[in-house]
Protein backbone atom coordinates (compact mmCIF):
# COMPACT_ATOMS: atom_id res chain seq x y z
CA MET A 1 -0.03 -0.09 0.09
CA GLU A 2 2.90 2.30 0.64
CA ASP A 3 4.04 2.14 -2.83
CA ILE A 4 0.68 3.20 -4.21
CA ILE A 5 0.65 6.17 -1.64
CA GLU A 6 4.21 7.17 -2.91
CA SER A 7 2.97 7.09 -6.50
CA LEU A 8 -0.13 9.19 -5.75
CA LYS A 9 2.28 11.65 -3.90
CA LYS A 10 4.33 11.77 -7.22
CA LEU A 11 1.20 12.76 -9.16
CA GLY A 12 0.72 15.66 -6.70
CA LEU A 13 -1.57 14.43 -3.82
CA ASN A 14 0.04 14.67 -0.34
CA SER A 15 -0.06 11.71 2.14
CA TYR A 16 -3.34 12.46 3.70
CA GLU A 17 -5.04 12.97 0.32
CA ALA A 18 -3.60 9.64 -1.05
CA LYS A 19 -4.73 7.80 2.30
CA VAL A 20 -8.15 9.16 2.00
CA TYR A 21 -8.53 8.20 -1.53
CA LEU A 22 -7.32 4.80 -1.00
CA ALA A 23 -9.60 4.26 2.08
CA LEU A 24 -12.57 5.41 -0.16
CA LEU A 25 -11.79 2.92 -2.74
CA LYS A 26 -11.89 0.35 -0.08
CA LYS A 27 -15.33 1.36 1.14
CA TYR A 28 -17.79 3.77 0.04
CA PRO A 29 -19.81 5.65 0.34
CA ILE A 30 -18.68 6.25 3.96
CA THR A 31 -18.71 9.38 6.49
CA GLY A 32 -15.74 11.47 7.27
CA TYR A 33 -15.54 9.54 10.57
CA GLU A 34 -15.27 6.35 9.07
CA VAL A 35 -12.79 7.78 6.47
CA ALA A 36 -10.48 8.89 9.39
CA LYS A 37 -10.56 5.36 10.87
CA LEU A 38 -10.17 3.65 7.65
CA ALA A 39 -7.28 5.73 6.60
CA ASP A 40 -5.65 6.02 10.09
CA ILE A 41 -5.33 9.79 10.13
CA PRO A 42 -6.80 12.20 12.46
CA GLN A 43 -10.34 13.02 12.27
CA SER A 44 -9.82 16.77 11.87
CA ARG A 45 -7.37 16.17 9.00
CA ALA A 46 -9.74 13.92 7.28
CA TYR A 47 -12.41 16.61 7.01
CA ASP A 48 -9.87 19.19 5.65
CA THR A 49 -8.72 16.49 3.30
CA LEU A 50 -12.16 15.37 2.12
CA LYS A 51 -12.96 19.02 1.27
CA THR A 52 -9.54 19.30 -0.72
CA LEU A 53 -10.29 16.22 -2.76
CA GLU A 54 -14.13 17.36 -3.33
CA ASN A 55 -12.87 20.61 -4.62
CA ALA A 56 -10.44 18.80 -6.89
CA ASN A 57 -13.04 16.74 -8.14
CA ILE A 58 -11.42 13.37 -6.87
CA ILE A 59 -14.26 12.52 -4.78
CA THR A 60 -18.02 13.51 -4.42
CA SER A 61 -20.37 14.13 -1.49
CA ASN A 62 -24.06 13.26 -1.18
CA GLY A 63 -24.65 16.73 0.36
CA LYS A 64 -26.86 15.29 2.91
CA LYS A 65 -26.75 14.61 6.77
CA PRO A 66 -24.80 12.61 7.36
CA GLN A 67 -22.59 13.60 4.53
CA THR A 68 -21.04 10.49 2.82
CA TYR A 69 -18.09 10.44 0.12
CA THR A 70 -17.49 8.40 -2.76
CA PRO A 71 -14.30 8.41 -5.00
CA ILE A 72 -14.08 8.69 -8.66
CA LYS A 73 -12.99 5.53 -10.35
CA PRO A 74 -9.12 4.96 -10.49
CA LYS A 75 -9.20 4.76 -14.32
CA GLU A 76 -10.73 8.23 -14.27
CA LEU A 77 -8.07 9.61 -11.93
CA THR A 78 -5.13 8.24 -13.91
CA LYS A 79 -6.85 9.40 -17.12
CA ARG A 80 -6.89 13.02 -15.66
CA TYR A 81 -3.38 13.00 -14.33
CA ARG A 82 -2.23 11.52 -17.69
CA ARG A 83 -3.98 14.36 -19.64
CA LYS A 84 -2.54 16.87 -17.30
CA ILE A 85 1.02 15.65 -17.45
CA GLU A 86 0.95 15.19 -21.29
CA SER A 87 -0.45 18.72 -21.66
CA ASN A 88 2.27 20.21 -19.43
CA ILE A 89 5.03 18.28 -21.44
CA ASP A 90 3.45 19.47 -24.84
CA PHE A 91 3.56 23.03 -23.61
CA LEU A 92 7.10 22.77 -22.40
CA GLU A 93 8.29 21.22 -25.66
CA LYS A 94 6.93 24.01 -27.53
CA LYS A 95 8.07 26.83 -25.32
CA LEU A 96 11.49 25.85 -23.84
CA PRO A 97 13.39 26.18 -27.12
CA ASP A 98 12.20 29.60 -27.59
CA VAL A 99 13.77 30.72 -24.21
CA LYS A 100 17.05 31.15 -25.92
CA THR A 101 17.33 30.71 -29.76
CA ASP A 102 21.01 30.18 -29.68
CA TYR A 103 21.43 27.60 -26.96
CA ASN A 104 24.72 25.72 -26.77
CA GLU A 105 25.81 23.15 -24.30
CA PRO A 106 27.68 24.87 -21.22
CA VAL A 107 31.60 24.76 -21.27
CA HIS A 108 33.05 23.88 -17.99
CA TYR A 109 36.32 25.28 -17.14
CA LEU A 110 38.72 23.18 -14.97
CA LYS A 111 41.15 24.70 -12.76
CA LYS A 112 43.46 21.64 -12.13
CA ILE A 113 44.20 18.51 -14.27
CA SER A 114 42.96 16.35 -11.32
CA GLU A 115 39.42 17.64 -11.71
CA ILE A 116 39.33 15.71 -15.11
CA THR A 117 39.31 12.38 -13.12
CA LYS A 118 36.59 13.30 -10.57
């Protein structure tokens, strides 16, 4: 499970967000209290995290009392992040070459011959 959390963190989620999303995948719909227990995080942080994930459209709530939460499908989550990453890479591939038109590899100057062997 830690490897999944680490991969979700590489996509931009923090530890609590990753744990909450995984807890919701295990069991849904559930309340914030149940999420905190299942994710093994402080209850106060669970509610903040649920709100953040809801604002990011990674989870939904029923809007009723008691409020329960449901995650988006894993396939949808990965598809969103793939589009986001590919879009960012496409942008950078177009814009980075324009930063400096006469780009050359930097030249490194050595002060001593011994630096060559380092």
